[in-house]
Amino acid sequence: MTTPPGRRERKKAATRQKIADTAMRLFLERGYDAVGIRDVAAEADVAVTTLFSHFAAKEALVFEQDTQFEQSLLRAVGERAPDEPLVPALRREIQALVRHCTADAAAPTWRMIDSSPALREYEESMRLRHAESLAAAMAADPALARTPTACRAIARFVIDAYAVAREAPDPQTAVDEVFVMVEAAWQASART
C-alpha cells in the first residue's frame, strides 16, 4: 500500500502544475517564442530558480507530462500480468497516449509544437529517451528473452508508432496498423 503524499509533496506538485498551466496559457496567447522564462515565472508568481527546480528547460514546460508518459510505458513492461504478452500491453499505452494527444483540446498545443523548431527537436529527443528507457526495461525482463538490440529496435518501433499515428487522418487505425508490424517484428526477434 502506498503512502499518500505529504503536505510538502502536495505543495511542490501544485506549484509545478501552476507553472506548467501558466506557461501553456502564455505560450498559446502570445506564441512560444514571444514568451520568456522570466515572463512565466512572474505570471506564476514564482522565482526563476523555482521554475528551474521543476523544469529543466523552457521546452519542458510544454511537455510537462513527459515523465508520466514514460512511466506508463515502463509500467506496461514491468507491471503486466505474468501471462500477459508484452506487445498488447504496449499497444494499450500507445493508444491511450494517442487519444490524449489527438483530443480536440490538444490541437492548439500541437500546432504550436509543429510550428517551433525548438519544440520539434525537444519532442524528438524526448521520444528517443523514452525509447531507450523502454528498451532497457524490456532487456531487463528475463521473461522476454530478447537481445538488447532487438529490444532497442522494438522500443523505437513502439515510440514511433505514437508519432506516426498522431499525424495520421485516423490515429487509432494507424496505431492498429503499426502494431501489426510491431507484433511481427517482436515475433521475428525471438528467432535471433
Protein backbone atom coordinates (compact mmCIF):
# COMPACT_ATOMS: atom_id res chain seq x y z
CA MET A 1 0.00 0.00 0.00
CA THR A 2 1.39 3.38 -0.98
CA THR A 3 1.53 6.26 1.46
CA PRO A 4 -0.35 9.37 0.34
CA PRO A 5 1.94 12.30 -0.41
CA GLY A 6 2.65 14.65 2.46
CA ARG A 7 1.91 18.35 2.58
CA ARG A 8 5.32 19.32 1.17
CA GLU A 9 4.98 16.98 -1.81
CA ARG A 10 1.44 18.24 -2.48
CA LYS A 11 2.66 21.85 -2.40
CA LYS A 12 5.52 21.04 -4.79
CA ALA A 13 3.12 19.29 -7.17
CA ALA A 14 0.70 22.22 -7.01
CA THR A 15 3.49 24.70 -7.74
CA ARG A 16 4.72 22.60 -10.65
CA GLN A 17 1.21 22.40 -12.10
CA LYS A 18 0.66 26.14 -11.64
CA ILE A 19 3.90 26.89 -13.50
CA ALA A 20 3.02 24.48 -16.32
CA ASP A 21 -0.54 25.82 -16.68
CA THR A 22 0.68 29.41 -16.66
CA ALA A 23 3.33 28.67 -19.27
CA MET A 24 0.89 26.94 -21.61
CA ARG A 25 -1.62 29.78 -21.29
CA LEU A 26 1.07 32.35 -22.10
CA PHE A 27 2.54 30.30 -24.95
CA LEU A 28 -0.87 29.84 -26.55
CA GLU A 29 -1.85 33.50 -26.05
CA ARG A 30 1.41 35.14 -27.19
CA GLY A 31 3.31 32.45 -29.07
CA TYR A 32 6.04 30.19 -27.76
CA ASP A 33 8.96 32.29 -28.97
CA ALA A 34 7.46 35.54 -27.60
CA VAL A 35 7.35 34.28 -24.01
CA GLY A 36 10.48 34.03 -21.89
CA ILE A 37 11.18 32.07 -18.73
CA ARG A 38 11.06 35.30 -16.69
CA ASP A 39 7.59 36.02 -18.10
CA VAL A 40 6.34 32.61 -16.99
CA ALA A 41 7.91 32.90 -13.55
CA ALA A 42 6.47 36.38 -12.99
CA GLU A 43 3.00 35.38 -14.13
CA ALA A 44 3.08 32.22 -11.98
CA ASP A 45 4.40 34.31 -9.05
CA VAL A 46 7.48 32.15 -8.52
CA ALA A 47 11.20 32.79 -8.72
CA VAL A 48 13.05 31.78 -11.86
CA THR A 49 15.08 29.38 -9.71
CA THR A 50 11.82 27.78 -8.53
CA LEU A 51 10.71 27.35 -12.13
CA PHE A 52 14.02 25.68 -12.98
CA SER A 53 13.77 23.41 -9.96
CA HIS A 54 10.63 21.96 -11.57
CA PHE A 55 11.50 22.23 -15.28
CA ALA A 56 14.98 21.83 -16.76
CA ALA A 57 14.29 23.92 -19.86
CA LYS A 58 11.69 26.16 -21.43
CA GLU A 59 10.69 23.34 -23.80
CA ALA A 60 9.96 21.07 -20.85
CA LEU A 61 7.13 23.42 -19.86
CA VAL A 62 5.26 22.34 -22.99
CA PHE A 63 5.87 18.64 -22.35
CA GLU A 64 5.09 18.69 -18.63
CA GLN A 65 3.52 15.21 -18.74
CA ASP A 66 6.67 13.70 -20.23
CA THR A 67 7.59 11.74 -17.11
CA GLN A 68 4.07 10.33 -16.66
CA PHE A 69 4.01 9.07 -20.26
CA GLU A 70 7.43 7.47 -19.91
CA GLN A 71 6.46 5.82 -16.62
CA SER A 72 3.25 4.42 -18.13
CA LEU A 73 5.30 2.68 -20.82
CA LEU A 74 7.69 1.26 -18.23
CA ARG A 75 4.76 0.03 -16.14
CA ALA A 76 3.34 -1.70 -19.23
CA VAL A 77 6.52 -3.78 -19.27
CA GLY A 78 7.16 -4.28 -15.58
CA GLU A 79 3.66 -4.48 -14.13
CA ARG A 80 1.83 -6.55 -16.71
CA ALA A 81 0.34 -9.83 -15.56
CA PRO A 82 2.77 -12.79 -15.68
CA ASP A 83 0.86 -14.39 -18.56
CA GLU A 84 0.18 -11.15 -20.46
CA PRO A 85 2.13 -10.74 -23.70
CA LEU A 86 4.22 -7.57 -23.99
CA VAL A 87 3.01 -6.15 -27.30
CA PRO A 88 -0.69 -5.81 -26.36
CA ALA A 89 0.31 -4.09 -23.11
CA LEU A 90 2.44 -1.58 -25.01
CA ARG A 91 -0.28 -1.13 -27.61
CA ARG A 92 -2.76 -0.09 -24.91
CA GLU A 93 -0.34 2.54 -23.60
CA ILE A 94 0.34 3.94 -27.06
CA GLN A 95 -3.40 4.01 -27.83
CA ALA A 96 -4.00 5.97 -24.62
CA LEU A 97 -1.19 8.38 -25.46
CA VAL A 98 -2.51 8.88 -28.98
CA ARG A 99 -6.05 9.51 -27.65
CA HIS A 100 -4.64 12.10 -25.26
CA CYS A 101 -2.54 13.85 -27.91
CA THR A 102 -5.20 13.84 -30.64
CA ALA A 103 -8.04 15.10 -28.47
CA ASP A 104 -9.55 18.36 -29.71
CA ALA A 105 -8.21 20.20 -26.66
CA ALA A 106 -4.64 19.22 -27.62
CA ALA A 107 -4.83 20.67 -31.15
CA PRO A 108 -3.60 24.21 -30.29
CA THR A 109 -0.64 22.78 -28.40
CA TRP A 110 0.36 20.54 -31.30
CA ARG A 111 0.03 23.42 -33.78
CA MET A 112 2.42 25.37 -31.55
CA ILE A 113 4.84 22.41 -31.33
CA ASP A 114 4.72 21.77 -35.07
CA SER A 115 5.49 25.43 -35.80
CA SER A 116 8.52 25.61 -33.49
CA PRO A 117 11.83 24.02 -34.49
CA ALA A 118 12.98 24.07 -30.83
CA LEU A 119 9.86 22.22 -29.67
CA ARG A 120 10.01 19.70 -32.52
CA GLU A 121 13.66 19.00 -31.66
CA TYR A 122 12.84 18.64 -27.96
CA GLU A 123 9.95 16.29 -28.73
CA GLU A 124 12.21 14.14 -30.90
CA SER A 125 14.87 13.93 -28.17
CA MET A 126 12.14 13.07 -25.65
CA ARG A 127 10.91 10.22 -27.87
CA LEU A 128 14.47 8.89 -28.21
CA ARG A 129 14.88 8.99 -24.42
CA HIS A 130 11.57 7.18 -23.98
CA ALA A 131 12.67 4.53 -26.47
CA GLU A 132 15.95 3.98 -24.61
CA SER A 133 14.14 3.69 -21.26
CA LEU A 134 11.62 1.28 -22.74
CA ALA A 135 14.38 -0.80 -24.35
CA ALA A 136 16.24 -1.02 -21.03
CA ALA A 137 13.09 -2.18 -19.24
CA MET A 138 12.44 -4.81 -21.91
CA ALA A 139 16.04 -6.06 -21.88
CA ALA A 140 15.96 -6.30 -18.06
CA ASP A 141 12.92 -8.59 -18.10
CA PRO A 142 14.23 -12.18 -18.31
CA ALA A 143 10.79 -13.47 -19.31
CA LEU A 144 11.02 -11.54 -22.59
CA ALA A 145 14.27 -13.21 -23.67
CA ARG A 146 15.32 -10.77 -26.38
CA THR A 147 18.71 -9.30 -27.17
CA PRO A 148 19.40 -5.68 -26.23
CA THR A 149 19.49 -4.84 -29.95
CA ALA A 150 16.08 -6.39 -30.52
CA CYS A 151 14.70 -4.51 -27.50
CA ARG A 152 16.07 -1.21 -28.80
CA ALA A 153 14.61 -1.77 -32.27
CA ILE A 154 11.18 -2.78 -30.94
CA ALA A 155 11.16 0.12 -28.47
CA ARG A 156 11.86 2.55 -31.33
CA PHE A 157 9.01 0.99 -33.31
CA VAL A 158 6.66 1.38 -30.35
CA ILE A 159 7.60 5.01 -29.67
CA ASP A 160 7.46 5.91 -33.35
CA ALA A 161 4.00 4.31 -33.58
CA TYR A 162 2.80 7.20 -31.47
CA ALA A 163 4.34 9.85 -33.76
CA VAL A 164 3.06 8.20 -36.93
CA ALA A 165 -0.44 7.77 -35.51
CA ARG A 166 -0.65 11.31 -34.15
CA GLU A 167 -0.17 12.67 -37.65
CA ALA A 168 -2.48 10.17 -39.40
CA PRO A 169 -6.02 11.02 -40.54
CA ASP A 170 -7.35 8.15 -38.39
CA PRO A 171 -4.93 7.86 -35.46
CA GLN A 172 -6.42 4.76 -33.82
CA THR A 173 -6.43 2.84 -37.11
CA ALA A 174 -2.81 3.91 -37.61
CA VAL A 175 -1.90 2.52 -34.16
CA ASP A 176 -3.54 -0.78 -35.09
CA GLU A 177 -1.69 -0.91 -38.42
CA VAL A 178 1.71 -0.11 -36.90
CA PHE A 179 1.23 -2.63 -34.10
CA VAL A 180 0.64 -5.43 -36.62
CA MET A 181 4.19 -4.68 -37.76
CA VAL A 182 5.46 -4.35 -34.17
CA GLU A 183 3.98 -7.76 -33.32
CA ALA A 184 5.58 -9.32 -36.41
CA ALA A 185 8.97 -7.78 -35.55
CA TRP A 186 8.63 -8.94 -31.93
CA GLN A 187 7.90 -12.49 -33.07
CA ALA A 188 10.78 -12.40 -35.55
CA SER A 189 13.16 -11.18 -32.85
CA ALA A 190 12.55 -14.39 -30.87
CA ARG A 191 14.27 -16.35 -33.63
CA THR A 192 17.53 -14.39 -33.49
